N, C-alpha and C. Protein backbone atom coordinates (compact mmCIF):
# COMPACT_ATOMS: atom_id res chain seq x y z
N ILE A 1 147.63 121.88 31.06
CA ILE A 1 147.26 121.50 32.91
C ILE A 1 148.10 122.14 33.99
N LEU A 2 149.34 121.70 33.48
CA LEU A 2 150.04 122.78 34.33
C LEU A 2 150.19 124.33 34.60
N GLN A 3 149.86 124.92 33.34
CA GLN A 3 149.72 126.14 33.69
C GLN A 3 148.28 126.37 34.06
N SER A 4 147.41 125.76 33.47
CA SER A 4 146.19 125.93 34.62
C SER A 4 146.14 126.27 35.92
N LEU A 5 146.83 124.92 36.37
CA LEU A 5 147.46 125.06 37.74
C LEU A 5 147.96 126.00 38.63
N ARG A 6 149.08 126.78 37.75
CA ARG A 6 149.69 127.91 37.77
C ARG A 6 148.95 128.96 38.45
N VAL A 7 147.97 129.42 37.36
CA VAL A 7 147.38 130.51 37.26
C VAL A 7 146.77 130.40 38.50
N LEU A 8 145.98 128.70 38.79
CA LEU A 8 145.04 128.80 40.13
C LEU A 8 145.94 129.08 41.57
N ALA A 9 146.78 128.42 41.20
CA ALA A 9 147.62 128.76 42.68
C ALA A 9 148.48 130.28 42.45
N ILE A 10 148.55 130.67 41.74
CA ILE A 10 148.64 132.26 41.87
C ILE A 10 147.80 132.88 42.20
N ALA A 11 146.13 132.85 41.95
CA ALA A 11 145.59 133.56 42.34
C ALA A 11 145.08 133.32 44.00
N LEU A 12 145.04 132.13 44.15
CA LEU A 12 145.50 131.78 45.88
C LEU A 12 146.06 132.49 46.68
N TYR A 13 147.34 132.16 46.07
CA TYR A 13 148.48 133.03 46.89
C TYR A 13 148.16 134.42 46.79
N LEU A 14 148.14 134.69 45.98
CA LEU A 14 147.87 136.68 45.59
C LEU A 14 146.69 137.06 46.99
N ALA A 15 145.80 136.09 46.70
CA ALA A 15 144.55 136.32 47.34
C ALA A 15 144.66 136.31 48.98
N CYS A 16 145.71 135.36 49.24
CA CYS A 16 145.57 135.02 50.80
C CYS A 16 146.88 136.03 51.02
N PHE A 17 147.83 136.22 50.42
CA PHE A 17 148.94 137.44 50.84
C PHE A 17 147.96 138.52 51.37
N LEU A 18 147.37 139.58 50.47
CA LEU A 18 146.27 140.03 50.45
C LEU A 18 145.10 140.19 51.58
N HIS A 19 144.75 139.04 52.01
CA HIS A 19 143.90 139.11 53.06
C HIS A 19 144.46 138.91 54.43
N ILE A 20 145.50 138.46 54.64
CA ILE A 20 146.24 138.73 55.50
C ILE A 20 146.97 139.91 56.04
N ILE A 21 147.60 140.92 54.89
CA ILE A 21 148.15 141.91 54.65
C ILE A 21 147.02 143.34 55.51
N ILE A 22 145.69 143.06 54.33
CA ILE A 22 144.73 144.07 54.53
C ILE A 22 144.04 143.81 55.97
N THR A 23 143.25 142.66 55.73
CA THR A 23 142.41 142.14 56.90
C THR A 23 142.78 142.51 58.52
N TYR A 24 143.57 141.31 58.16
CA TYR A 24 144.74 141.02 59.33
C TYR A 24 145.43 142.33 59.96
N GLY A 25 146.25 142.52 59.19
CA GLY A 25 146.93 143.81 59.34
C GLY A 25 146.13 145.01 59.58
N GLY A 26 144.76 145.02 59.10
CA GLY A 26 144.20 146.26 59.25
C GLY A 26 143.60 146.41 60.42
N ILE A 27 143.21 145.01 60.96
CA ILE A 27 142.36 145.08 62.19
C ILE A 27 143.83 145.24 63.41
N ILE A 28 144.72 144.91 63.32
CA ILE A 28 145.31 145.25 64.17
C ILE A 28 146.01 146.57 64.10
N LYS A 29 146.47 147.47 63.28
CA LYS A 29 147.22 148.68 62.84
C LYS A 29 145.93 149.48 63.38
N PHE A 30 145.07 149.42 62.30
CA PHE A 30 143.52 150.57 62.81
C PHE A 30 142.71 150.12 63.74
N GLY A 31 142.45 148.98 63.75
CA GLY A 31 141.22 148.50 65.28
C GLY A 31 141.66 148.64 66.32
N LEU A 32 143.32 148.08 66.78
CA LEU A 32 143.41 147.96 68.05
C LEU A 32 144.29 148.65 68.17
N LYS A 33 145.36 149.64 67.26
CA LYS A 33 146.16 150.31 66.95
C LYS A 33 147.62 149.89 67.83
N LEU A 34 147.84 148.82 67.46
CA LEU A 34 149.17 148.22 67.40
C LEU A 34 149.63 147.86 66.45
N PRO A 35 151.15 147.54 66.58
CA PRO A 35 152.24 147.68 65.58
C PRO A 35 151.91 146.48 64.63
N PHE A 36 151.14 146.24 63.77
CA PHE A 36 151.15 145.14 62.81
C PHE A 36 152.27 144.36 62.70
N ILE A 37 153.55 144.87 62.54
CA ILE A 37 154.72 144.19 62.32
C ILE A 37 155.00 143.27 63.42
N ASN A 38 155.09 143.78 64.49
CA ASN A 38 154.94 142.88 65.95
C ASN A 38 154.51 141.75 66.15
N PHE A 39 152.92 141.96 65.39
CA PHE A 39 151.98 141.04 65.31
C PHE A 39 152.52 139.73 64.50
N PHE A 40 153.06 139.98 63.17
CA PHE A 40 153.55 138.88 62.25
C PHE A 40 154.73 138.56 62.62
N ARG A 41 155.91 139.42 63.08
CA ARG A 41 156.82 138.40 63.70
C ARG A 41 156.75 137.75 65.06
N GLY A 42 155.79 138.26 65.63
CA GLY A 42 155.30 137.39 66.72
C GLY A 42 154.65 135.75 66.21
N ILE A 43 154.07 135.89 65.63
CA ILE A 43 153.62 134.35 64.93
C ILE A 43 154.15 133.90 64.09
N LEU A 44 155.04 134.18 63.65
CA LEU A 44 156.06 133.46 62.03
C LEU A 44 156.04 132.38 62.52
N ASP A 45 156.36 131.67 63.83
CA ASP A 45 156.64 130.33 63.78
C ASP A 45 155.03 129.64 63.55
N ALA A 46 154.24 130.09 64.26
CA ALA A 46 152.71 129.61 64.11
C ALA A 46 152.55 129.26 62.27
N GLN A 47 152.87 130.35 61.54
CA GLN A 47 152.58 130.49 60.38
C GLN A 47 153.71 129.72 59.29
N MET A 48 154.79 129.31 59.91
CA MET A 48 155.88 128.16 59.29
C MET A 48 155.20 127.27 59.68
N VAL A 49 154.57 126.88 60.99
CA VAL A 49 154.30 125.38 61.30
C VAL A 49 152.95 125.50 60.61
N ALA A 50 152.36 126.11 60.43
CA ALA A 50 150.67 125.57 59.25
C ALA A 50 151.28 125.76 58.24
N PHE A 51 152.26 126.23 57.47
CA PHE A 51 152.76 126.10 56.02
C PHE A 51 152.75 124.88 56.12
N SER A 52 154.02 123.94 56.78
CA SER A 52 154.73 123.28 56.61
C SER A 52 153.61 121.79 56.61
N THR A 53 152.69 121.97 57.65
CA THR A 53 152.01 120.85 58.29
C THR A 53 150.59 121.11 57.46
N SER A 54 150.12 122.15 57.19
CA SER A 54 148.63 122.13 56.23
C SER A 54 147.38 121.70 57.42
N SER A 55 147.57 121.96 58.53
CA SER A 55 146.58 121.33 59.90
C SER A 55 146.71 122.62 60.99
N SER A 56 145.96 122.96 61.12
CA SER A 56 145.32 124.15 61.94
C SER A 56 145.42 123.58 63.38
N SER A 57 145.20 122.15 63.10
CA SER A 57 144.96 121.84 64.26
C SER A 57 146.47 121.26 65.11
N ALA A 58 147.02 120.80 64.11
CA ALA A 58 148.66 120.44 64.73
C ALA A 58 149.21 121.88 65.17
N THR A 59 149.03 122.90 64.81
CA THR A 59 149.89 123.84 64.85
C THR A 59 149.43 124.40 65.85
N LEU A 60 148.28 124.47 66.45
CA LEU A 60 147.47 124.83 67.41
C LEU A 60 148.17 124.96 68.66
N PRO A 61 149.39 124.00 69.52
CA PRO A 61 150.50 124.52 70.18
C PRO A 61 151.24 125.72 70.22
N VAL A 62 151.68 125.50 68.76
CA VAL A 62 152.67 126.60 68.58
C VAL A 62 152.00 128.25 68.48
N THR A 63 150.62 127.97 67.64
CA THR A 63 149.85 129.15 67.78
C THR A 63 149.83 129.65 69.74
N ILE A 64 149.33 128.97 70.12
CA ILE A 64 148.99 129.49 71.80
C ILE A 64 150.20 130.16 72.39
N SER A 65 151.23 129.34 71.76
CA SER A 65 152.60 129.76 72.57
C SER A 65 152.93 130.87 72.04
N ASN A 66 153.13 131.35 70.28
CA ASN A 66 153.24 132.15 70.51
C ASN A 66 152.56 133.87 70.42
N VAL A 67 151.15 133.39 70.57
CA VAL A 67 150.59 134.31 71.17
C VAL A 67 150.45 134.71 72.34
N THR A 68 150.67 133.62 73.42
CA THR A 68 151.23 134.19 74.84
C THR A 68 152.30 134.55 75.23
N ASP A 69 153.51 134.42 74.62
CA ASP A 69 154.61 134.42 74.87
C ASP A 69 155.47 135.82 74.04
N ASN A 70 154.84 135.98 72.84
CA ASN A 70 155.44 137.19 71.73
C ASN A 70 154.71 138.06 71.99
N LEU A 71 153.09 137.85 72.19
CA LEU A 71 152.34 138.52 71.59
C LEU A 71 151.56 139.56 73.06
N GLY A 72 151.83 138.91 74.35
CA GLY A 72 151.10 139.41 75.57
C GLY A 72 149.89 139.10 75.75
N VAL A 73 149.14 137.93 74.90
CA VAL A 73 147.80 137.52 75.37
C VAL A 73 147.85 136.78 76.62
N LYS A 74 146.81 136.84 77.40
CA LYS A 74 146.65 135.88 78.58
C LYS A 74 146.51 134.65 78.31
N LYS A 75 146.68 133.68 79.26
CA LYS A 75 146.31 132.27 78.44
C LYS A 75 145.07 131.71 78.70
N SER A 76 144.72 132.76 79.27
CA SER A 76 143.03 132.46 79.72
C SER A 76 142.29 132.87 78.38
N VAL A 77 142.51 133.44 77.59
CA VAL A 77 142.36 134.24 76.48
C VAL A 77 142.58 133.33 75.10
N ALA A 78 143.93 133.13 74.89
CA ALA A 78 144.63 132.20 74.33
C ALA A 78 143.92 130.82 74.67
N GLY A 79 143.85 130.33 75.43
CA GLY A 79 143.37 129.11 75.55
C GLY A 79 141.65 128.58 75.58
N SER A 80 141.00 129.87 75.18
CA SER A 80 139.62 129.81 74.76
C SER A 80 139.48 130.18 73.56
N VAL A 81 139.94 131.18 73.01
CA VAL A 81 139.74 132.03 71.45
C VAL A 81 140.71 130.79 70.69
N LEU A 82 141.92 130.40 70.81
CA LEU A 82 142.35 129.64 70.01
C LEU A 82 141.95 128.21 69.24
N PRO A 83 141.27 127.70 70.31
CA PRO A 83 140.84 126.07 69.66
C PRO A 83 139.99 126.51 69.14
N LEU A 84 138.96 127.15 69.75
CA LEU A 84 137.59 127.69 69.02
C LEU A 84 137.95 127.91 67.31
N GLY A 85 138.79 129.18 67.36
CA GLY A 85 139.23 129.30 65.95
C GLY A 85 139.63 128.45 64.92
N ALA A 86 140.41 127.44 65.49
CA ALA A 86 141.23 126.35 64.90
C ALA A 86 139.86 125.48 63.96
N THR A 87 138.81 125.38 64.73
CA THR A 87 137.65 124.97 64.56
C THR A 87 136.57 125.51 63.19
N ILE A 88 136.26 126.87 63.73
CA ILE A 88 134.99 127.64 63.07
C ILE A 88 136.15 128.66 62.25
N ASN A 89 137.32 129.21 62.55
CA ASN A 89 137.94 130.19 61.65
C ASN A 89 138.58 129.53 60.90
N MET A 90 137.82 129.72 59.24
CA MET A 90 138.44 129.37 57.94
C MET A 90 138.63 130.19 56.85
N ASP A 91 138.97 131.32 56.78
CA ASP A 91 139.34 132.63 56.21
C ASP A 91 139.49 131.93 54.89
N GLY A 92 140.93 131.43 55.26
CA GLY A 92 141.52 130.56 53.94
C GLY A 92 140.86 129.75 53.10
N THR A 93 140.08 128.79 54.08
CA THR A 93 139.47 127.92 53.43
C THR A 93 138.30 128.12 52.81
N SER A 94 137.39 129.51 52.85
CA SER A 94 136.53 130.19 52.24
C SER A 94 136.86 130.97 51.03
N LEU A 95 138.33 131.41 51.01
CA LEU A 95 138.97 131.93 49.91
C LEU A 95 139.25 131.09 48.78
N TYR A 96 139.51 129.74 49.26
CA TYR A 96 139.97 128.56 48.47
C TYR A 96 138.62 128.03 47.49
N LEU A 97 137.76 127.95 48.55
CA LEU A 97 136.07 127.38 47.62
C LEU A 97 136.28 128.32 47.00
N GLY A 98 136.24 129.69 47.04
CA GLY A 98 135.48 130.52 46.38
C GLY A 98 136.32 130.67 44.99
N ILE A 99 137.51 130.89 44.87
CA ILE A 99 138.51 130.63 43.91
C ILE A 99 138.32 129.00 42.91
N VAL A 100 138.37 128.60 43.73
CA VAL A 100 137.86 126.91 42.96
C VAL A 100 136.70 127.23 42.17
N ALA A 101 135.85 127.82 42.95
CA ALA A 101 134.41 127.53 42.01
C ALA A 101 134.20 128.47 40.93
N LEU A 102 135.52 129.35 41.04
CA LEU A 102 135.39 130.36 39.88
C LEU A 102 136.40 129.65 38.54
N PHE A 103 136.97 128.65 39.23
CA PHE A 103 138.08 128.28 38.31
C PHE A 103 137.36 126.87 37.44
N THR A 104 136.30 126.33 38.50
CA THR A 104 135.55 125.14 37.66
C THR A 104 133.96 125.71 36.78
N ALA A 105 133.90 127.02 36.93
CA ALA A 105 132.70 127.55 36.00
C ALA A 105 134.08 128.14 34.54
N GLN A 106 134.47 128.24 35.18
CA GLN A 106 135.51 129.06 33.41
C GLN A 106 135.84 127.77 32.89
N ALA A 107 136.32 126.50 33.68
CA ALA A 107 136.49 125.47 32.88
C ALA A 107 135.25 124.75 32.38
N PHE A 108 134.42 125.00 32.79
CA PHE A 108 133.27 124.23 31.94
C PHE A 108 132.58 124.83 31.31
N GLY A 109 132.70 126.42 31.39
CA GLY A 109 131.68 127.46 30.67
C GLY A 109 130.47 127.98 31.18
N TYR A 110 130.43 127.73 32.06
CA TYR A 110 129.16 128.41 33.46
C TYR A 110 129.25 130.01 33.02
N THR A 111 128.26 130.25 32.87
CA THR A 111 127.96 131.75 32.96
C THR A 111 127.46 132.04 34.22
N LEU A 112 128.40 133.03 35.05
CA LEU A 112 127.86 133.25 36.37
C LEU A 112 127.33 134.83 36.14
N GLU A 113 126.01 135.17 36.63
CA GLU A 113 125.76 136.38 37.18
C GLU A 113 126.13 137.10 38.17
N PRO A 114 125.39 138.35 38.43
CA PRO A 114 126.47 139.06 39.28
C PRO A 114 125.88 138.30 41.05
N HIS A 115 124.52 137.89 40.51
CA HIS A 115 123.78 137.17 42.17
C HIS A 115 125.07 135.95 42.47
N HIS A 116 125.62 135.34 41.68
CA HIS A 116 126.22 134.31 42.02
C HIS A 116 127.51 134.31 42.69
N TYR A 117 128.06 135.52 42.06
CA TYR A 117 129.73 135.80 42.70
C TYR A 117 129.14 136.00 44.51
N LEU A 118 128.06 136.57 44.76
CA LEU A 118 127.44 136.86 46.20
C LEU A 118 127.41 135.63 46.93
N LEU A 119 126.24 134.62 45.96
CA LEU A 119 126.28 133.62 46.93
C LEU A 119 127.34 132.49 46.90
N ILE A 120 128.45 132.61 46.07
CA ILE A 120 129.29 131.47 46.27
C ILE A 120 130.37 132.16 47.45
N ALA A 121 130.51 133.40 47.61
CA ALA A 121 131.06 133.95 48.75
C ALA A 121 130.37 133.83 50.16
N MET A 122 129.32 133.56 49.90
CA MET A 122 128.46 133.44 51.34
C MET A 122 128.68 131.51 51.57
N THR A 123 128.01 131.09 50.34
CA THR A 123 128.11 129.51 50.51
C THR A 123 129.50 129.21 51.27
N ALA A 124 130.50 129.97 50.34
CA ALA A 124 132.20 129.05 50.90
C ALA A 124 132.74 129.34 52.18
N ALA A 125 131.84 130.93 52.77
CA ALA A 125 131.94 130.95 54.52
C ALA A 125 131.22 130.47 54.89
N LEU A 126 130.23 130.04 54.89
CA LEU A 126 129.15 129.23 55.64
C LEU A 126 129.83 127.64 55.66
N VAL A 127 130.42 127.07 54.56
CA VAL A 127 130.65 125.90 54.66
C VAL A 127 132.11 125.20 55.26
N SER A 128 133.01 126.53 54.91
CA SER A 128 133.95 126.50 55.88
C SER A 128 133.96 126.57 57.36
N ILE A 129 133.09 126.83 57.53
CA ILE A 129 132.93 127.04 59.61
C ILE A 129 132.70 125.35 59.80
N GLY A 130 133.70 124.65 60.31
CA GLY A 130 133.58 123.58 61.32
C GLY A 130 134.56 122.57 60.36
N ALA A 131 135.05 123.36 59.41
CA ALA A 131 135.70 122.22 57.94
C ALA A 131 136.77 121.58 58.83
N ALA A 132 137.01 120.32 59.11
CA ALA A 132 138.35 119.66 59.66
C ALA A 132 139.74 120.51 59.09
N GLY A 133 140.62 120.36 60.27
CA GLY A 133 141.47 121.17 60.52
C GLY A 133 142.66 119.95 59.99
N ILE A 134 142.50 119.52 58.79
CA ILE A 134 143.75 118.59 58.42
C ILE A 134 143.74 118.65 57.06
N PRO A 135 144.87 118.45 56.71
CA PRO A 135 144.91 118.39 55.06
C PRO A 135 144.36 118.21 54.24
N SER A 136 143.83 119.11 53.12
CA SER A 136 143.15 118.85 51.98
C SER A 136 141.55 118.51 52.48
N ALA A 137 141.10 118.92 53.78
CA ALA A 137 139.80 118.30 53.97
C ALA A 137 138.62 119.27 53.21
N SER A 138 139.30 120.38 53.34
CA SER A 138 138.24 121.50 52.75
C SER A 138 137.84 121.22 51.07
N LEU A 139 138.77 120.06 50.28
CA LEU A 139 138.23 120.48 49.11
C LEU A 139 137.25 119.52 48.71
N PHE A 140 136.82 118.69 49.75
CA PHE A 140 135.77 118.02 49.67
C PHE A 140 134.21 118.64 50.15
N LEU A 141 134.46 120.05 50.34
CA LEU A 141 133.29 120.46 50.58
C LEU A 141 132.91 121.21 49.11
N LEU A 142 133.49 121.18 48.39
CA LEU A 142 133.34 121.93 47.15
C LEU A 142 132.27 121.99 46.16
N ALA A 143 131.65 120.82 46.53
CA ALA A 143 130.14 120.62 45.95
C ALA A 143 129.31 120.98 46.06
N THR A 144 129.18 121.73 47.66
CA THR A 144 127.85 122.59 48.07
C THR A 144 128.19 123.97 47.08
N VAL A 145 129.60 124.31 46.94
CA VAL A 145 129.75 125.95 46.69
C VAL A 145 129.02 125.70 45.10
N LEU A 146 129.42 124.71 44.56
CA LEU A 146 129.09 124.86 42.89
C LEU A 146 127.60 124.25 42.69
N GLU A 147 127.18 123.86 43.77
CA GLU A 147 125.62 123.99 43.69
C GLU A 147 125.22 125.44 43.49
N VAL A 148 125.53 126.26 44.05
CA VAL A 148 125.33 127.68 43.63
C VAL A 148 124.78 128.32 42.27
N PHE A 149 125.88 127.68 41.36
CA PHE A 149 125.65 127.58 39.83
C PHE A 149 125.35 126.62 39.31
N ASN A 150 124.46 125.61 40.07
CA ASN A 150 123.97 123.99 39.52
C ASN A 150 125.22 123.52 38.84
N GLY A 151 126.60 123.63 39.53
CA GLY A 151 127.70 122.73 38.97
C GLY A 151 127.22 121.28 38.93
N THR A 152 127.35 120.42 37.79
CA THR A 152 126.99 118.82 37.86
C THR A 152 127.95 117.90 39.08
N PRO A 153 127.23 116.85 39.49
CA PRO A 153 128.29 115.87 40.48
C PRO A 153 129.51 115.27 39.55
N GLU A 154 129.25 115.34 38.20
CA GLU A 154 130.29 115.06 37.24
C GLU A 154 131.58 116.13 37.23
N HIS A 155 130.87 117.31 37.20
CA HIS A 155 131.86 118.32 36.67
C HIS A 155 132.87 118.37 38.05
N THR A 156 132.24 118.37 39.29
CA THR A 156 132.98 118.43 40.50
C THR A 156 133.72 117.38 40.87
N ALA A 157 133.33 115.65 40.35
CA ALA A 157 134.38 115.15 40.78
C ALA A 157 135.62 115.18 39.76
N LEU A 158 135.35 115.98 38.65
CA LEU A 158 136.11 116.12 37.42
C LEU A 158 137.39 117.06 37.93
N VAL A 159 136.91 117.92 38.63
CA VAL A 159 137.58 119.28 39.73
C VAL A 159 138.56 118.58 40.71
N VAL A 160 137.64 118.19 41.39
CA VAL A 160 138.49 117.46 42.43
C VAL A 160 139.46 116.10 42.21
N GLY A 161 139.06 115.66 41.33
CA GLY A 161 140.63 114.83 41.09
C GLY A 161 141.17 115.26 40.01
N PHE A 162 141.36 116.73 39.51
CA PHE A 162 142.23 117.48 38.99
C PHE A 162 143.10 117.73 39.99
N ILE A 163 142.86 118.06 40.84
CA ILE A 163 143.36 119.39 41.72
C ILE A 163 143.79 118.82 43.16
N LEU A 164 143.47 117.52 43.36
CA LEU A 164 143.94 116.99 44.60
C LEU A 164 145.37 116.73 44.37
N PRO A 165 146.11 115.83 43.11
CA PRO A 165 147.21 115.81 43.41
C PRO A 165 148.44 116.78 43.97
N PHE A 166 147.65 117.94 43.61
CA PHE A 166 148.69 119.50 43.56
C PHE A 166 147.95 120.19 45.09
N ASP A 167 146.99 119.34 45.78
CA ASP A 167 146.05 120.23 46.62
C ASP A 167 147.10 120.61 47.93
N ARG A 168 147.87 119.87 48.09
CA ARG A 168 148.58 119.99 49.38
C ARG A 168 149.62 121.57 49.04
N LEU A 169 149.77 121.91 47.84
CA LEU A 169 150.73 123.22 47.92
C LEU A 169 149.78 124.41 48.17
N LEU A 170 148.57 124.15 48.04
CA LEU A 170 147.07 125.21 47.82
C LEU A 170 146.89 124.96 49.31
N ASP A 171 146.98 124.16 50.07
CA ASP A 171 146.50 123.81 51.36
C ASP A 171 147.36 124.50 52.27
N MET A 172 148.76 124.51 51.70
CA MET A 172 149.70 125.15 53.16
C MET A 172 149.33 126.35 53.17
N MET A 173 149.15 127.28 51.94
CA MET A 173 148.81 128.70 52.49
C MET A 173 147.45 129.24 53.00
N ARG A 174 146.54 128.53 52.51
CA ARG A 174 144.91 128.55 53.09
C ARG A 174 145.11 128.25 54.85
N THR A 175 145.98 127.23 55.34
CA THR A 175 146.37 127.10 56.54
C THR A 175 147.34 127.84 57.40
N ALA A 176 148.01 128.63 56.39
CA ALA A 176 148.55 129.93 57.19
C ALA A 176 147.85 131.05 57.49
N VAL A 177 146.81 131.23 56.63
CA VAL A 177 145.61 132.06 56.61
C VAL A 177 144.83 132.20 57.66
N ASN A 178 144.77 130.80 57.74
CA ASN A 178 143.32 130.52 58.42
C ASN A 178 144.44 130.83 60.44
N VAL A 179 145.10 130.37 60.59
CA VAL A 179 146.08 130.48 61.95
C VAL A 179 146.22 131.86 61.69
N THR A 180 146.58 132.92 60.70
CA THR A 180 147.24 134.18 61.33
C THR A 180 145.60 134.36 61.80
N GLY A 181 144.23 133.88 61.07
CA GLY A 181 143.29 134.64 61.65
C GLY A 181 142.95 134.64 63.14
N ASP A 182 143.31 133.13 63.74
CA ASP A 182 143.33 132.56 65.09
C ASP A 182 143.60 133.48 65.60
N ALA A 183 145.07 134.15 65.70
CA ALA A 183 146.25 134.67 66.60
C ALA A 183 145.36 136.39 66.40
N ALA A 184 144.81 136.99 65.14
CA ALA A 184 144.28 137.59 65.19
C ALA A 184 143.00 137.98 66.34
N VAL A 185 142.44 137.13 66.16
CA VAL A 185 141.01 137.29 66.95
C VAL A 185 141.65 136.68 68.21
N ALA A 186 142.49 136.15 68.69
CA ALA A 186 142.85 136.08 69.87
C ALA A 186 143.29 137.77 70.39
N VAL A 187 144.24 138.52 69.69
CA VAL A 187 144.79 139.32 70.30
C VAL A 187 143.61 140.54 70.08
N THR A 188 142.65 140.20 69.51
CA THR A 188 141.33 141.42 69.35
C THR A 188 140.50 141.00 70.79
N VAL A 189 140.40 139.83 71.14
CA VAL A 189 139.76 139.88 72.30
C VAL A 189 140.21 139.78 73.61
N ALA A 190 141.81 139.65 73.40
CA ALA A 190 142.41 140.14 74.52
C ALA A 190 142.62 141.66 74.78
N LYS A 191 142.71 142.70 74.09
CA LYS A 191 142.30 143.76 73.78
C LYS A 191 141.52 144.55 74.32
N TRP A 192 140.29 143.95 73.31
CA TRP A 192 138.95 144.49 74.09
C TRP A 192 138.60 144.20 75.71
N GLU A 193 139.03 143.01 76.14
CA GLU A 193 138.98 142.66 77.51
C GLU A 193 140.11 143.00 78.84
N GLY A 194 140.75 143.65 78.06
CA GLY A 194 142.08 144.18 78.88
C GLY A 194 143.24 143.00 79.26
N GLU A 195 143.00 142.10 78.74
CA GLU A 195 144.01 140.81 79.19
C GLU A 195 145.04 140.62 77.92
N ILE A 196 145.73 141.59 77.87
CA ILE A 196 146.70 141.49 76.98
C ILE A 196 147.95 142.81 77.73
N ASP A 197 149.34 141.89 77.88
CA ASP A 197 150.30 142.77 77.94
C ASP A 197 150.87 143.45 77.19
N GLU A 198 150.78 144.97 76.84
CA GLU A 198 151.11 145.48 75.36
C GLU A 198 152.72 145.68 75.42
N GLU A 199 152.93 145.85 76.43
CA GLU A 199 154.90 145.91 76.76
C GLU A 199 155.00 145.00 76.01
N VAL A 200 154.66 143.69 76.15
CA VAL A 200 155.02 142.29 75.40
C VAL A 200 154.97 142.77 73.98
N PHE A 201 154.06 143.06 73.33
CA PHE A 201 153.43 143.12 72.50
C PHE A 201 154.22 144.10 71.23
N ARG A 202 154.59 145.33 72.07
CA ARG A 202 155.57 146.22 71.57
C ARG A 202 156.72 145.99 71.15
N SER A 203 157.51 145.32 72.39
CA SER A 203 158.57 144.94 72.24
C SER A 203 159.14 144.36 70.78
N LYS A 204 160.32 144.97 70.49
CA LYS A 204 160.99 144.60 69.59
C LYS A 204 161.92 143.19 69.49
N ALA A 205 161.77 142.62 70.73
CA ALA A 205 162.96 141.50 71.06
C ALA A 205 161.76 140.04 71.45
N VAL A 206 161.59 139.96 70.07
CA VAL A 206 160.42 138.97 69.96
C VAL A 206 160.82 137.65 70.00
N GLN A 207 161.01 136.72 70.89
CA GLN A 207 161.84 135.55 70.88
C GLN A 207 160.85 134.50 70.23
């Protein structure tokens, strides 16, 4: 059991780490032409609070403070984009649901066709929108994703019961991804709208 959970945790942490670096780092570096090292340095406090609390909502005040004080985003943008992001921007949750769905398919011997993978990705992204920003809330959305390949309610209950005692360790990482995504979107909107102080963003002395 512990070996299976270890593999699941490694898969999730690796997927989340790559998503943060490639997707969000790519948006900041190549889409906005801003130094992505400064971006990650500027939101480190928010990431750590998100990792420790597993709650996007609880982290929101720290995220707003980091984005405005360290990244130069104007409060008008941060105050509107970040609360919305804490509600609907759940990339980490989408990754988590997709990985757990594949874990379930492997555990119970479901055969997945190529179209199943696309449907799992789409369904995970859709059901994660609006997921409650509290610990382990997203785990209970799994049933909808498993319906893509006709996962039974019994198998869903078994998987949820199997993962739930250890879910906090997984939730910590996916919440950090969600908060990082919120900050990246806030910076993007501020850049497009001319509501960002790039001197603050580019400053190496981020507090």
